[in-house]
């Protein structure tokens, strides 16, 4: 059966949206379109969604995935991006936090688990 959802649109709220847009465009090198008036919408690599139980506030988090967190961190630091070291070693991956120019923080992690989009890509290549 074909999925009902064709993609995900993620929002990051920022105290300096222009600086954060420049970060995603210039530092991370993500392609974007201008939806009007400088409002960039960025293309993202394959994504996945995890649902975690909580008794706390229902805040949401954004993590960028990488295949080699050491190499990604070194390159980001070379580009002047502040991130947290040492990395947290979780059972599900190696994790750090990136501080955006607008002051917000997002996660970066190298997963230790199978990726959901790898399963999707494999099933699409068989059709």
N, C-alpha and C. Protein backbone atom coordinates (compact mmCIF):
# COMPACT_ATOMS: atom_id res chain seq x y z
N UNK A 1 0.84 -1.17 0.00
CA UNK A 1 0.00 0.00 0.00
C UNK A 1 0.89 1.25 0.00
N UNK A 2 0.55 2.23 -0.81
CA UNK A 2 1.30 3.48 -0.89
C UNK A 2 1.05 4.30 0.37
N UNK A 3 2.14 4.84 0.98
CA UNK A 3 1.96 5.66 2.19
C UNK A 3 1.13 6.92 1.91
N UNK A 4 0.41 7.38 2.91
CA UNK A 4 -0.38 8.60 2.80
C UNK A 4 0.49 9.84 2.84
N UNK A 5 1.63 9.75 3.53
CA UNK A 5 2.51 10.89 3.74
C UNK A 5 3.62 10.88 2.69
N UNK A 6 3.83 12.01 2.03
CA UNK A 6 4.83 12.07 0.96
C UNK A 6 6.14 12.74 1.40
N UNK A 7 6.17 13.29 2.61
CA UNK A 7 7.38 13.94 3.09
C UNK A 7 7.12 14.56 4.45
N UNK A 8 8.12 15.24 4.97
CA UNK A 8 8.02 15.90 6.27
C UNK A 8 8.54 17.33 6.11
N UNK A 9 7.83 18.27 6.67
CA UNK A 9 8.25 19.67 6.69
C UNK A 9 8.54 20.02 8.14
N UNK A 10 9.79 20.30 8.44
CA UNK A 10 10.23 20.57 9.81
C UNK A 10 10.42 22.08 9.99
N UNK A 11 10.03 22.59 11.14
CA UNK A 11 10.23 24.00 11.46
C UNK A 11 11.25 24.14 12.57
N UNK A 12 12.14 25.12 12.41
CA UNK A 12 13.05 25.50 13.48
C UNK A 12 12.74 26.96 13.79
N UNK A 13 12.39 27.24 15.02
CA UNK A 13 12.14 28.61 15.44
C UNK A 13 13.45 29.21 15.89
N UNK A 14 13.71 30.46 15.49
CA UNK A 14 15.02 31.06 15.69
C UNK A 14 14.91 32.51 16.14
N UNK A 15 15.87 32.92 16.97
CA UNK A 15 15.99 34.33 17.35
C UNK A 15 16.75 35.11 16.29
N UNK A 16 17.38 34.41 15.33
CA UNK A 16 18.07 35.05 14.21
C UNK A 16 17.91 34.15 12.99
N UNK A 17 16.73 34.21 12.39
CA UNK A 17 16.39 33.32 11.28
C UNK A 17 17.34 33.48 10.10
N UNK A 18 17.74 34.70 9.78
CA UNK A 18 18.65 34.92 8.65
C UNK A 18 19.98 34.21 8.87
N UNK A 19 20.53 34.32 10.08
CA UNK A 19 21.81 33.67 10.38
C UNK A 19 21.66 32.15 10.33
N UNK A 20 20.56 31.63 10.84
CA UNK A 20 20.36 30.18 10.81
C UNK A 20 20.13 29.69 9.39
N UNK A 21 19.42 30.46 8.57
CA UNK A 21 19.24 30.09 7.16
C UNK A 21 20.59 30.06 6.45
N UNK A 22 21.42 31.06 6.72
CA UNK A 22 22.76 31.09 6.12
C UNK A 22 23.58 29.89 6.57
N UNK A 23 23.44 29.48 7.82
CA UNK A 23 24.16 28.31 8.34
C UNK A 23 23.77 27.06 7.55
N UNK A 24 22.47 26.82 7.39
CA UNK A 24 22.02 25.63 6.67
C UNK A 24 22.41 25.68 5.20
N UNK A 25 22.41 26.88 4.61
CA UNK A 25 22.77 27.04 3.20
C UNK A 25 24.28 26.98 3.00
N UNK A 26 25.03 27.81 3.75
CA UNK A 26 26.45 27.99 3.49
C UNK A 26 27.35 27.01 4.22
N UNK A 27 27.03 26.69 5.46
CA UNK A 27 27.88 25.79 6.24
C UNK A 27 27.54 24.33 5.97
N UNK A 28 26.25 24.00 6.03
CA UNK A 28 25.86 22.61 5.78
C UNK A 28 25.71 22.30 4.30
N UNK A 29 25.57 23.34 3.47
CA UNK A 29 25.50 23.14 2.02
C UNK A 29 24.21 22.53 1.53
N UNK A 30 23.12 22.74 2.26
CA UNK A 30 21.83 22.19 1.83
C UNK A 30 21.22 23.03 0.72
N UNK A 31 20.67 22.36 -0.29
CA UNK A 31 19.95 23.05 -1.35
C UNK A 31 18.66 23.63 -0.77
N UNK A 32 18.20 24.72 -1.39
CA UNK A 32 16.98 25.35 -0.91
C UNK A 32 16.26 26.03 -2.06
N UNK A 33 15.03 26.38 -1.80
CA UNK A 33 14.26 27.24 -2.69
C UNK A 33 13.82 28.44 -1.88
N UNK A 34 13.64 29.55 -2.56
CA UNK A 34 13.13 30.75 -1.90
C UNK A 34 11.62 30.74 -2.15
N UNK A 35 10.87 30.59 -1.08
CA UNK A 35 9.42 30.53 -1.21
C UNK A 35 8.81 31.92 -1.26
N UNK A 36 9.65 32.95 -1.28
CA UNK A 36 9.21 34.33 -1.35
C UNK A 36 9.78 35.16 -0.23
N UNK A 37 10.32 36.30 -0.55
CA UNK A 37 10.82 37.22 0.46
C UNK A 37 12.00 36.71 1.26
N UNK A 38 12.79 35.82 0.70
CA UNK A 38 13.95 35.29 1.41
C UNK A 38 13.67 34.13 2.35
N UNK A 39 12.43 33.64 2.34
CA UNK A 39 12.07 32.49 3.17
C UNK A 39 12.56 31.23 2.48
N UNK A 40 13.70 30.73 2.92
CA UNK A 40 14.28 29.54 2.31
C UNK A 40 13.66 28.28 2.90
N UNK A 41 13.38 27.34 2.02
CA UNK A 41 12.95 26.00 2.43
C UNK A 41 14.02 25.05 1.93
N UNK A 42 14.58 24.29 2.85
CA UNK A 42 15.73 23.45 2.55
C UNK A 42 15.34 22.02 2.21
N UNK A 43 16.02 21.47 1.22
CA UNK A 43 15.90 20.06 0.91
C UNK A 43 16.73 19.29 1.93
N UNK A 44 16.16 18.23 2.45
CA UNK A 44 16.87 17.41 3.44
C UNK A 44 17.16 16.03 2.86
N UNK A 45 18.19 15.40 3.38
CA UNK A 45 18.44 14.02 2.98
C UNK A 45 17.33 13.13 3.55
N UNK A 46 17.35 11.84 3.21
CA UNK A 46 16.31 10.95 3.76
C UNK A 46 16.17 11.14 5.27
N UNK A 47 14.96 11.02 5.74
CA UNK A 47 14.65 11.26 7.14
C UNK A 47 13.96 10.07 7.76
N UNK A 48 13.91 10.07 9.07
CA UNK A 48 13.14 9.07 9.80
C UNK A 48 12.57 9.73 11.04
N UNK A 49 11.59 9.11 11.62
CA UNK A 49 10.87 9.66 12.76
C UNK A 49 10.78 8.61 13.84
N UNK A 50 11.13 8.98 15.06
CA UNK A 50 11.01 8.07 16.20
C UNK A 50 10.05 8.69 17.20
N UNK A 51 9.24 7.88 17.83
CA UNK A 51 8.29 8.33 18.84
C UNK A 51 8.78 7.80 20.19
N UNK A 52 9.08 8.72 21.11
CA UNK A 52 9.59 8.35 22.42
C UNK A 52 8.54 8.68 23.49
N UNK A 53 8.32 7.80 24.44
CA UNK A 53 7.39 8.11 25.52
C UNK A 53 7.97 9.18 26.44
N UNK A 54 7.10 9.99 27.04
CA UNK A 54 7.55 11.02 27.97
C UNK A 54 6.47 11.35 28.98
N UNK A 55 6.90 11.74 30.14
CA UNK A 55 6.01 12.27 31.16
C UNK A 55 6.23 13.78 31.28
N UNK A 56 7.23 14.27 30.55
CA UNK A 56 7.60 15.69 30.58
C UNK A 56 6.80 16.45 29.53
N UNK A 57 7.18 17.71 29.32
CA UNK A 57 6.57 18.51 28.25
C UNK A 57 6.81 17.82 26.91
N UNK A 58 5.89 17.99 26.00
CA UNK A 58 6.02 17.31 24.72
C UNK A 58 6.84 18.14 23.72
N UNK A 59 8.07 18.47 24.12
CA UNK A 59 8.99 19.15 23.22
C UNK A 59 9.44 18.16 22.15
N UNK A 60 9.91 18.70 21.04
CA UNK A 60 10.37 17.87 19.93
C UNK A 60 11.82 18.23 19.64
N UNK A 61 12.56 17.31 19.06
CA UNK A 61 13.97 17.52 18.80
C UNK A 61 14.29 17.22 17.35
N UNK A 62 15.35 17.85 16.85
CA UNK A 62 15.85 17.60 15.51
C UNK A 62 17.28 17.12 15.61
N UNK A 63 17.56 15.99 14.99
CA UNK A 63 18.91 15.45 14.92
C UNK A 63 19.31 15.31 13.46
N UNK A 64 20.49 15.74 13.12
CA UNK A 64 21.06 15.48 11.82
C UNK A 64 21.84 14.18 11.94
N UNK A 65 21.73 13.30 10.96
CA UNK A 65 22.43 12.03 10.98
C UNK A 65 23.72 12.14 10.17
N UNK A 66 24.73 11.41 10.60
CA UNK A 66 25.98 11.34 9.85
C UNK A 66 26.53 9.92 9.95
N UNK A 67 27.37 9.57 8.99
CA UNK A 67 27.96 8.23 8.98
C UNK A 67 29.20 8.14 9.86
N UNK A 68 29.89 9.27 10.05
CA UNK A 68 31.12 9.30 10.84
C UNK A 68 31.13 10.59 11.63
N UNK A 69 30.77 10.52 12.90
CA UNK A 69 30.63 11.73 13.71
C UNK A 69 31.96 12.43 13.94
N UNK A 70 33.06 11.68 14.02
CA UNK A 70 34.38 12.31 14.20
C UNK A 70 34.70 13.18 12.99
N UNK A 71 34.52 12.64 11.79
CA UNK A 71 34.82 13.40 10.58
C UNK A 71 33.88 14.58 10.42
N UNK A 72 32.59 14.36 10.69
CA UNK A 72 31.61 15.45 10.58
C UNK A 72 31.92 16.56 11.58
N UNK A 73 32.25 16.20 12.81
CA UNK A 73 32.56 17.19 13.84
C UNK A 73 33.81 17.99 13.47
N UNK A 74 34.84 17.32 12.99
CA UNK A 74 36.07 18.02 12.60
C UNK A 74 35.79 19.02 11.49
N UNK A 75 35.00 18.62 10.50
CA UNK A 75 34.69 19.53 9.40
C UNK A 75 33.82 20.69 9.87
N UNK A 76 32.83 20.41 10.71
CA UNK A 76 32.00 21.49 11.25
C UNK A 76 32.83 22.46 12.08
N UNK A 77 33.71 21.94 12.92
CA UNK A 77 34.57 22.81 13.72
C UNK A 77 35.50 23.63 12.83
N UNK A 78 36.00 23.03 11.76
CA UNK A 78 36.83 23.76 10.80
C UNK A 78 36.06 24.93 10.20
N UNK A 79 34.75 24.74 10.03
CA UNK A 79 33.88 25.79 9.49
C UNK A 79 33.38 26.75 10.57
N UNK A 80 33.88 26.61 11.79
CA UNK A 80 33.55 27.53 12.86
C UNK A 80 32.26 27.22 13.61
N UNK A 81 31.78 25.99 13.50
CA UNK A 81 30.53 25.61 14.16
C UNK A 81 30.82 25.08 15.56
N UNK A 82 30.25 25.72 16.59
CA UNK A 82 30.44 25.19 17.95
C UNK A 82 29.59 23.94 18.18
N UNK A 83 30.24 22.94 18.74
CA UNK A 83 29.51 21.73 19.11
C UNK A 83 30.05 21.16 20.40
N UNK A 84 29.28 20.29 21.02
CA UNK A 84 29.60 19.74 22.33
C UNK A 84 30.55 18.55 22.20
N UNK A 85 31.61 18.60 22.97
CA UNK A 85 32.53 17.46 23.10
C UNK A 85 32.78 17.23 24.57
N UNK A 86 33.05 16.04 25.04
CA UNK A 86 33.08 14.82 24.26
C UNK A 86 31.67 14.40 23.84
N UNK A 87 31.63 13.50 22.89
CA UNK A 87 30.34 12.99 22.43
C UNK A 87 29.70 12.13 23.50
N UNK A 88 28.38 12.15 23.54
CA UNK A 88 27.66 11.23 24.41
C UNK A 88 27.60 9.88 23.70
N UNK A 89 27.89 8.84 24.45
CA UNK A 89 27.82 7.48 23.92
C UNK A 89 26.51 6.86 24.41
N UNK A 90 25.53 6.82 23.54
CA UNK A 90 24.23 6.23 23.86
C UNK A 90 24.16 4.85 23.23
N UNK A 91 23.26 4.02 23.71
CA UNK A 91 23.15 2.68 23.11
C UNK A 91 22.70 2.77 21.66
N UNK A 92 22.04 3.86 21.28
CA UNK A 92 21.49 4.03 19.93
C UNK A 92 22.40 4.86 19.02
N UNK A 93 23.48 5.48 19.57
CA UNK A 93 24.37 6.23 18.72
C UNK A 93 25.32 7.13 19.48
N UNK A 94 26.27 7.71 18.75
CA UNK A 94 27.20 8.71 19.30
C UNK A 94 26.58 10.07 19.00
N UNK A 95 26.50 10.93 20.01
CA UNK A 95 25.68 12.13 19.92
C UNK A 95 26.44 13.38 20.37
N UNK A 96 26.16 14.48 19.70
CA UNK A 96 26.64 15.80 20.11
C UNK A 96 25.54 16.81 19.81
N UNK A 97 25.76 18.04 20.22
CA UNK A 97 24.83 19.15 19.96
C UNK A 97 25.56 20.23 19.19
N UNK A 98 24.88 20.80 18.20
CA UNK A 98 25.38 21.92 17.42
C UNK A 98 24.63 23.17 17.89
N UNK A 99 25.36 24.24 18.15
CA UNK A 99 24.73 25.51 18.47
C UNK A 99 24.61 26.32 17.19
N UNK A 100 23.38 26.67 16.84
CA UNK A 100 23.12 27.46 15.64
C UNK A 100 23.46 28.93 15.87
N UNK A 101 23.70 29.69 14.81
CA UNK A 101 24.00 31.12 14.98
C UNK A 101 22.93 31.88 15.74
N UNK A 102 21.66 31.48 15.60
CA UNK A 102 20.57 32.13 16.30
C UNK A 102 20.44 31.73 17.76
N UNK A 103 21.32 30.83 18.22
CA UNK A 103 21.33 30.42 19.62
C UNK A 103 20.64 29.10 19.90
N UNK A 104 19.86 28.61 18.96
CA UNK A 104 19.20 27.32 19.15
C UNK A 104 20.19 26.18 19.06
N UNK A 105 19.74 25.01 19.47
CA UNK A 105 20.61 23.83 19.43
C UNK A 105 19.89 22.69 18.75
N UNK A 106 20.63 21.96 17.93
CA UNK A 106 20.12 20.75 17.30
C UNK A 106 21.12 19.64 17.55
N UNK A 107 20.67 18.41 17.39
CA UNK A 107 21.54 17.27 17.61
C UNK A 107 22.22 16.81 16.33
N UNK A 108 23.33 16.15 16.51
CA UNK A 108 24.04 15.47 15.44
C UNK A 108 24.39 14.10 15.98
N UNK A 109 24.03 13.06 15.23
CA UNK A 109 24.44 11.75 15.74
C UNK A 109 24.73 10.75 14.65
N UNK A 110 25.62 9.83 15.03
CA UNK A 110 26.00 8.69 14.21
C UNK A 110 25.23 7.50 14.78
N UNK A 111 24.22 7.04 14.06
CA UNK A 111 23.39 5.97 14.62
C UNK A 111 24.12 4.63 14.69
N UNK A 112 23.76 3.86 15.71
CA UNK A 112 24.25 2.50 15.87
C UNK A 112 23.16 1.51 15.46
N UNK A 113 22.00 2.02 15.07
CA UNK A 113 20.86 1.17 14.72
C UNK A 113 20.63 1.19 13.21
N UNK A 114 19.85 0.25 12.73
CA UNK A 114 19.47 0.24 11.32
C UNK A 114 18.63 1.48 11.03
N UNK A 115 18.75 2.00 9.82
CA UNK A 115 18.02 3.20 9.44
C UNK A 115 16.74 2.85 8.70
N UNK A 116 15.67 3.51 9.06
CA UNK A 116 14.37 3.26 8.44
C UNK A 116 14.40 3.59 6.96
N UNK A 117 15.07 4.68 6.57
CA UNK A 117 15.07 5.04 5.15
C UNK A 117 15.87 4.05 4.31
N UNK A 118 16.79 3.32 4.91
CA UNK A 118 17.52 2.28 4.17
C UNK A 118 16.55 1.17 3.77
N UNK A 119 15.63 0.83 4.65
CA UNK A 119 14.61 -0.18 4.34
C UNK A 119 13.71 0.31 3.21
N UNK A 120 13.30 1.57 3.28
CA UNK A 120 12.43 2.15 2.25
C UNK A 120 13.15 2.18 0.90
N UNK A 121 14.40 2.62 0.90
CA UNK A 121 15.17 2.67 -0.35
C UNK A 121 15.34 1.29 -0.95
N UNK A 122 15.58 0.28 -0.10
CA UNK A 122 15.75 -1.09 -0.59
C UNK A 122 14.47 -1.61 -1.22
N UNK A 123 13.33 -1.33 -0.58
CA UNK A 123 12.07 -1.84 -1.13
C UNK A 123 11.71 -1.11 -2.43
N UNK A 124 12.08 0.16 -2.56
CA UNK A 124 11.79 0.90 -3.80
C UNK A 124 12.67 0.42 -4.94
N UNK A 125 13.87 -0.02 -4.64
CA UNK A 125 14.77 -0.47 -5.71
C UNK A 125 14.34 -1.84 -6.26
N UNK A 126 13.54 -2.58 -5.50
CA UNK A 126 13.06 -3.88 -5.97
C UNK A 126 11.84 -3.76 -6.86
N UNK A 127 11.20 -2.58 -6.86
CA UNK A 127 9.98 -2.44 -7.68
C UNK A 127 10.29 -1.91 -9.05
